Amino acid sequence: MNKYQYAFDKLSKLTSPDAEQSYELEVRGADYYHELLDTLYDLVEKETATTPDIEGDGYYKGELVYDTWICPRCGTRYEIDYDDYEYCPKCGQHIDLDSLEQECEDTEDEE
């Protein structure tokens, strides 16, 4: 069971905790509850599609070529025309490919 499933299972049972869970809450206190919430918040953030940063590292016919997108979560770099991932292969961050395409078009229009 991964940490997200664990946190979800624990939080879903807190609405009517059994004796063991009640004891665990008393012993570990509010920090335990917030730790579970933080874990789930991390999952929600990871599943929310975000626009990656883009950068260019070369020129073609005197114009900067934007050919790299950067994962906003882990900073891993990928090639725009070759690495079309819906999720970052390294950290699992959901990538908004539509906004990436729009951002590339906007930067080309500015030049």
N, C-alpha and C. Protein backbone atom coordinates (compact mmCIF):
# COMPACT_ATOMS: atom_id res chain seq x y z
N MET A 1 0.86 -1.18 0.00
CA MET A 1 0.00 0.00 0.00
C MET A 1 0.90 1.23 0.00
N ASN A 2 0.63 2.18 -0.92
CA ASN A 2 1.45 3.38 -0.97
C ASN A 2 1.02 4.39 0.09
N LYS A 3 1.79 5.45 0.27
CA LYS A 3 1.52 6.41 1.33
C LYS A 3 0.20 7.15 1.13
N TYR A 4 -0.22 7.34 -0.10
CA TYR A 4 -1.48 8.03 -0.36
C TYR A 4 -2.67 7.16 0.04
N GLN A 5 -2.61 5.88 -0.33
CA GLN A 5 -3.68 4.97 0.04
C GLN A 5 -3.75 4.82 1.55
N TYR A 6 -2.60 4.73 2.19
CA TYR A 6 -2.53 4.62 3.65
C TYR A 6 -3.19 5.84 4.31
N ALA A 7 -2.83 7.04 3.85
CA ALA A 7 -3.39 8.26 4.43
C ALA A 7 -4.90 8.34 4.19
N PHE A 8 -5.32 7.97 3.00
CA PHE A 8 -6.74 8.00 2.69
C PHE A 8 -7.51 7.03 3.57
N ASP A 9 -6.99 5.81 3.71
CA ASP A 9 -7.66 4.81 4.55
C ASP A 9 -7.76 5.29 6.00
N LYS A 10 -6.69 5.84 6.52
CA LYS A 10 -6.70 6.31 7.91
C LYS A 10 -7.68 7.47 8.09
N LEU A 11 -7.66 8.43 7.18
CA LEU A 11 -8.55 9.59 7.32
C LEU A 11 -10.01 9.19 7.12
N SER A 12 -10.27 8.28 6.21
CA SER A 12 -11.66 7.88 5.98
C SER A 12 -12.24 7.15 7.18
N LYS A 13 -11.41 6.51 7.96
CA LYS A 13 -11.88 5.79 9.15
C LYS A 13 -11.97 6.70 10.38
N LEU A 14 -11.44 7.90 10.29
CA LEU A 14 -11.46 8.79 11.46
C LEU A 14 -12.85 9.36 11.75
N THR A 15 -13.76 9.29 10.79
CA THR A 15 -15.11 9.79 11.05
C THR A 15 -15.82 8.94 12.09
N SER A 16 -15.47 7.65 12.15
CA SER A 16 -16.00 6.76 13.19
C SER A 16 -14.89 5.79 13.58
N PRO A 17 -13.89 6.30 14.31
CA PRO A 17 -12.71 5.48 14.62
C PRO A 17 -13.04 4.34 15.59
N ASP A 18 -12.36 3.22 15.37
CA ASP A 18 -12.50 2.12 16.32
C ASP A 18 -11.59 2.40 17.52
N ALA A 19 -11.54 1.48 18.46
CA ALA A 19 -10.78 1.70 19.70
C ALA A 19 -9.30 1.92 19.43
N GLU A 20 -8.74 1.12 18.52
CA GLU A 20 -7.31 1.24 18.21
C GLU A 20 -7.01 2.60 17.59
N GLN A 21 -7.83 3.04 16.67
CA GLN A 21 -7.62 4.34 16.03
C GLN A 21 -7.82 5.49 17.01
N SER A 22 -8.79 5.36 17.89
CA SER A 22 -9.01 6.40 18.90
C SER A 22 -7.78 6.53 19.80
N TYR A 23 -7.22 5.38 20.19
CA TYR A 23 -6.02 5.39 21.01
C TYR A 23 -4.85 6.03 20.25
N GLU A 24 -4.71 5.66 18.97
CA GLU A 24 -3.62 6.20 18.15
C GLU A 24 -3.75 7.72 18.03
N LEU A 25 -4.97 8.21 17.87
CA LEU A 25 -5.18 9.65 17.79
C LEU A 25 -4.83 10.35 19.10
N GLU A 26 -5.19 9.72 20.22
CA GLU A 26 -4.86 10.30 21.52
C GLU A 26 -3.36 10.35 21.73
N VAL A 27 -2.68 9.27 21.35
CA VAL A 27 -1.23 9.18 21.56
C VAL A 27 -0.48 10.11 20.62
N ARG A 28 -0.83 10.09 19.34
CA ARG A 28 -0.10 10.87 18.35
C ARG A 28 -0.63 12.29 18.19
N GLY A 29 -1.85 12.51 18.54
CA GLY A 29 -2.42 13.86 18.54
C GLY A 29 -2.67 14.44 17.17
N ALA A 30 -2.82 15.75 17.16
CA ALA A 30 -3.18 16.48 15.94
C ALA A 30 -2.08 16.39 14.89
N ASP A 31 -0.83 16.23 15.30
CA ASP A 31 0.26 16.13 14.33
C ASP A 31 0.05 14.95 13.38
N TYR A 32 -0.46 13.86 13.93
CA TYR A 32 -0.72 12.67 13.11
C TYR A 32 -1.77 12.98 12.06
N TYR A 33 -2.84 13.63 12.44
CA TYR A 33 -3.91 14.01 11.53
C TYR A 33 -3.38 14.94 10.45
N HIS A 34 -2.59 15.93 10.83
CA HIS A 34 -2.04 16.88 9.86
C HIS A 34 -1.02 16.22 8.93
N GLU A 35 -0.31 15.24 9.44
CA GLU A 35 0.64 14.49 8.60
C GLU A 35 -0.12 13.75 7.49
N LEU A 36 -1.25 13.15 7.86
CA LEU A 36 -2.06 12.45 6.86
C LEU A 36 -2.63 13.43 5.84
N LEU A 37 -3.09 14.57 6.31
CA LEU A 37 -3.63 15.59 5.40
C LEU A 37 -2.54 16.12 4.46
N ASP A 38 -1.35 16.34 4.98
CA ASP A 38 -0.24 16.81 4.15
C ASP A 38 0.10 15.80 3.05
N THR A 39 0.05 14.53 3.41
CA THR A 39 0.32 13.48 2.43
C THR A 39 -0.71 13.53 1.30
N LEU A 40 -1.98 13.66 1.67
CA LEU A 40 -3.03 13.74 0.65
C LEU A 40 -2.94 15.04 -0.15
N TYR A 41 -2.57 16.13 0.50
CA TYR A 41 -2.41 17.40 -0.21
C TYR A 41 -1.31 17.27 -1.27
N ASP A 42 -0.24 16.56 -0.92
CA ASP A 42 0.85 16.33 -1.87
C ASP A 42 0.34 15.60 -3.10
N LEU A 43 -0.52 14.62 -2.90
CA LEU A 43 -1.10 13.88 -4.02
C LEU A 43 -1.98 14.78 -4.88
N VAL A 44 -2.79 15.61 -4.24
CA VAL A 44 -3.66 16.53 -4.99
C VAL A 44 -2.81 17.49 -5.82
N GLU A 45 -1.75 18.02 -5.24
CA GLU A 45 -0.86 18.92 -5.96
C GLU A 45 -0.21 18.23 -7.15
N LYS A 46 0.19 16.99 -6.95
CA LYS A 46 0.84 16.24 -8.01
C LYS A 46 -0.13 15.93 -9.15
N GLU A 47 -1.39 15.71 -8.83
CA GLU A 47 -2.40 15.39 -9.83
C GLU A 47 -2.98 16.62 -10.53
N THR A 48 -2.71 17.80 -10.00
CA THR A 48 -3.19 19.03 -10.62
C THR A 48 -2.25 19.39 -11.77
N ALA A 49 -2.80 19.44 -12.97
CA ALA A 49 -1.98 19.73 -14.15
C ALA A 49 -1.36 21.12 -14.04
N THR A 50 -0.06 21.20 -14.21
CA THR A 50 0.63 22.47 -14.13
C THR A 50 1.40 22.73 -15.42
N THR A 51 1.59 24.00 -15.70
CA THR A 51 2.32 24.40 -16.88
C THR A 51 3.82 24.37 -16.59
N PRO A 52 4.57 23.64 -17.37
CA PRO A 52 6.01 23.62 -17.15
C PRO A 52 6.66 24.90 -17.68
N ASP A 53 7.83 25.18 -17.18
CA ASP A 53 8.61 26.30 -17.71
C ASP A 53 9.22 25.85 -19.04
N ILE A 54 9.45 26.80 -19.92
CA ILE A 54 10.13 26.46 -21.17
C ILE A 54 11.36 27.34 -21.31
N GLU A 55 12.32 26.83 -22.03
CA GLU A 55 13.53 27.61 -22.28
C GLU A 55 14.13 27.21 -23.61
N GLY A 56 14.90 28.11 -24.13
CA GLY A 56 15.61 27.85 -25.37
C GLY A 56 17.09 27.81 -25.10
N ASP A 57 17.79 26.99 -25.85
CA ASP A 57 19.24 26.92 -25.64
C ASP A 57 20.02 27.07 -26.94
N GLY A 58 19.32 27.54 -27.97
CA GLY A 58 20.01 27.74 -29.24
C GLY A 58 19.22 28.67 -30.13
N TYR A 59 19.86 29.03 -31.23
CA TYR A 59 19.24 29.96 -32.17
C TYR A 59 19.13 29.31 -33.54
N TYR A 60 18.09 29.69 -34.25
CA TYR A 60 17.92 29.26 -35.64
C TYR A 60 17.49 30.49 -36.42
N LYS A 61 18.28 30.82 -37.43
CA LYS A 61 18.03 32.01 -38.25
C LYS A 61 17.88 33.26 -37.39
N GLY A 62 18.73 33.35 -36.40
CA GLY A 62 18.77 34.54 -35.55
C GLY A 62 17.70 34.61 -34.47
N GLU A 63 16.86 33.59 -34.35
CA GLU A 63 15.80 33.60 -33.34
C GLU A 63 16.01 32.48 -32.34
N LEU A 64 15.72 32.78 -31.07
CA LEU A 64 15.86 31.79 -30.02
C LEU A 64 14.84 30.67 -30.23
N VAL A 65 15.31 29.44 -30.12
CA VAL A 65 14.45 28.27 -30.31
C VAL A 65 14.11 27.72 -28.92
N TYR A 66 12.81 27.74 -28.59
CA TYR A 66 12.35 27.19 -27.32
C TYR A 66 12.14 25.70 -27.51
N ASP A 67 13.07 24.91 -26.99
CA ASP A 67 13.04 23.48 -27.27
C ASP A 67 13.08 22.61 -26.02
N THR A 68 12.98 23.21 -24.85
CA THR A 68 13.06 22.45 -23.61
C THR A 68 11.93 22.85 -22.67
N TRP A 69 11.26 21.85 -22.08
CA TRP A 69 10.31 22.15 -21.01
C TRP A 69 10.86 21.55 -19.73
N ILE A 70 10.57 22.24 -18.63
CA ILE A 70 11.13 21.88 -17.33
C ILE A 70 10.00 21.56 -16.37
N CYS A 71 10.06 20.41 -15.74
CA CYS A 71 9.04 20.02 -14.78
C CYS A 71 9.04 21.02 -13.62
N PRO A 72 7.88 21.59 -13.29
CA PRO A 72 7.83 22.57 -12.21
C PRO A 72 8.01 21.96 -10.82
N ARG A 73 7.90 20.65 -10.71
CA ARG A 73 8.03 19.98 -9.41
C ARG A 73 9.46 19.55 -9.12
N CYS A 74 10.11 18.89 -10.10
CA CYS A 74 11.44 18.33 -9.83
C CYS A 74 12.56 18.98 -10.63
N GLY A 75 12.21 19.80 -11.63
CA GLY A 75 13.24 20.51 -12.39
C GLY A 75 13.88 19.70 -13.50
N THR A 76 13.37 18.52 -13.79
CA THR A 76 13.93 17.70 -14.86
C THR A 76 13.59 18.32 -16.21
N ARG A 77 14.55 18.28 -17.12
CA ARG A 77 14.39 18.90 -18.43
C ARG A 77 14.04 17.86 -19.49
N TYR A 78 13.13 18.25 -20.40
CA TYR A 78 12.69 17.37 -21.48
C TYR A 78 12.65 18.16 -22.78
N GLU A 79 12.81 17.47 -23.90
CA GLU A 79 12.73 18.10 -25.21
C GLU A 79 11.27 18.28 -25.61
N ILE A 80 10.91 19.48 -26.06
CA ILE A 80 9.52 19.79 -26.39
C ILE A 80 8.97 18.91 -27.49
N ASP A 81 9.67 18.75 -28.57
CA ASP A 81 9.14 18.00 -29.71
C ASP A 81 9.25 16.49 -29.58
N TYR A 82 9.97 16.01 -28.57
CA TYR A 82 10.20 14.58 -28.47
C TYR A 82 9.62 13.96 -27.20
N ASP A 83 9.55 14.71 -26.12
CA ASP A 83 9.12 14.18 -24.84
C ASP A 83 7.75 14.72 -24.47
N ASP A 84 6.71 14.13 -25.06
CA ASP A 84 5.33 14.54 -24.78
C ASP A 84 4.75 13.63 -23.71
N TYR A 85 4.98 13.99 -22.46
CA TYR A 85 4.49 13.20 -21.34
C TYR A 85 3.34 13.92 -20.65
N GLU A 86 2.31 13.17 -20.34
CA GLU A 86 1.20 13.75 -19.58
C GLU A 86 1.61 13.89 -18.10
N TYR A 87 2.51 13.01 -17.66
CA TYR A 87 3.04 13.05 -16.30
C TYR A 87 4.56 13.02 -16.39
N CYS A 88 5.22 13.77 -15.54
CA CYS A 88 6.69 13.76 -15.52
C CYS A 88 7.17 12.35 -15.20
N PRO A 89 8.03 11.78 -16.03
CA PRO A 89 8.52 10.42 -15.77
C PRO A 89 9.32 10.30 -14.47
N LYS A 90 9.91 11.39 -14.02
CA LYS A 90 10.75 11.31 -12.82
C LYS A 90 9.94 11.42 -11.53
N CYS A 91 9.03 12.41 -11.43
CA CYS A 91 8.34 12.65 -10.16
C CYS A 91 6.84 12.41 -10.20
N GLY A 92 6.27 12.26 -11.39
CA GLY A 92 4.84 11.98 -11.51
C GLY A 92 3.94 13.20 -11.55
N GLN A 93 4.52 14.41 -11.63
CA GLN A 93 3.71 15.62 -11.70
C GLN A 93 2.90 15.63 -12.99
N HIS A 94 1.61 15.94 -12.88
CA HIS A 94 0.73 16.03 -14.04
C HIS A 94 1.11 17.29 -14.82
N ILE A 95 1.36 17.15 -16.11
CA ILE A 95 1.81 18.26 -16.95
C ILE A 95 0.66 18.67 -17.86
N ASP A 96 0.40 19.96 -17.93
CA ASP A 96 -0.63 20.51 -18.80
C ASP A 96 -0.02 20.73 -20.18
N LEU A 97 -0.15 19.72 -21.04
CA LEU A 97 0.46 19.80 -22.37
C LEU A 97 -0.19 20.86 -23.24
N ASP A 98 -1.50 21.11 -23.06
CA ASP A 98 -2.17 22.14 -23.84
C ASP A 98 -1.59 23.52 -23.55
N SER A 99 -1.36 23.81 -22.28
CA SER A 99 -0.79 25.11 -21.93
C SER A 99 0.67 25.19 -22.38
N LEU A 100 1.36 24.06 -22.41
CA LEU A 100 2.74 24.05 -22.90
C LEU A 100 2.77 24.42 -24.38
N GLU A 101 1.86 23.85 -25.15
CA GLU A 101 1.79 24.19 -26.58
C GLU A 101 1.43 25.66 -26.77
N GLN A 102 0.48 26.15 -25.96
CA GLN A 102 0.07 27.55 -26.05
C GLN A 102 1.22 28.48 -25.68
N GLU A 103 1.95 28.12 -24.62
CA GLU A 103 3.07 28.95 -24.19
C GLU A 103 4.15 29.00 -25.27
N CYS A 104 4.39 27.87 -25.93
CA CYS A 104 5.38 27.84 -27.02
C CYS A 104 4.93 28.73 -28.16
N GLU A 105 3.65 28.68 -28.50
CA GLU A 105 3.13 29.53 -29.58
C GLU A 105 3.22 31.00 -29.20
N ASP A 106 2.92 31.33 -27.94
CA ASP A 106 2.99 32.72 -27.49
C ASP A 106 4.40 33.27 -27.56
N THR A 107 5.38 32.46 -27.19
CA THR A 107 6.78 32.93 -27.23
C THR A 107 7.24 33.10 -28.66
N GLU A 108 6.73 32.28 -29.56
CA GLU A 108 7.10 32.44 -30.97
C GLU A 108 6.46 33.69 -31.54
N ASP A 109 5.23 34.02 -31.12
CA ASP A 109 4.53 35.21 -31.60
C ASP A 109 5.20 36.49 -31.11
N GLU A 110 5.81 36.44 -29.92
CA GLU A 110 6.46 37.63 -29.35
C GLU A 110 7.68 38.05 -30.14
N GLU A 111 8.30 37.09 -30.81
CA GLU A 111 9.56 37.39 -31.52
C GLU A 111 9.31 38.03 -32.79
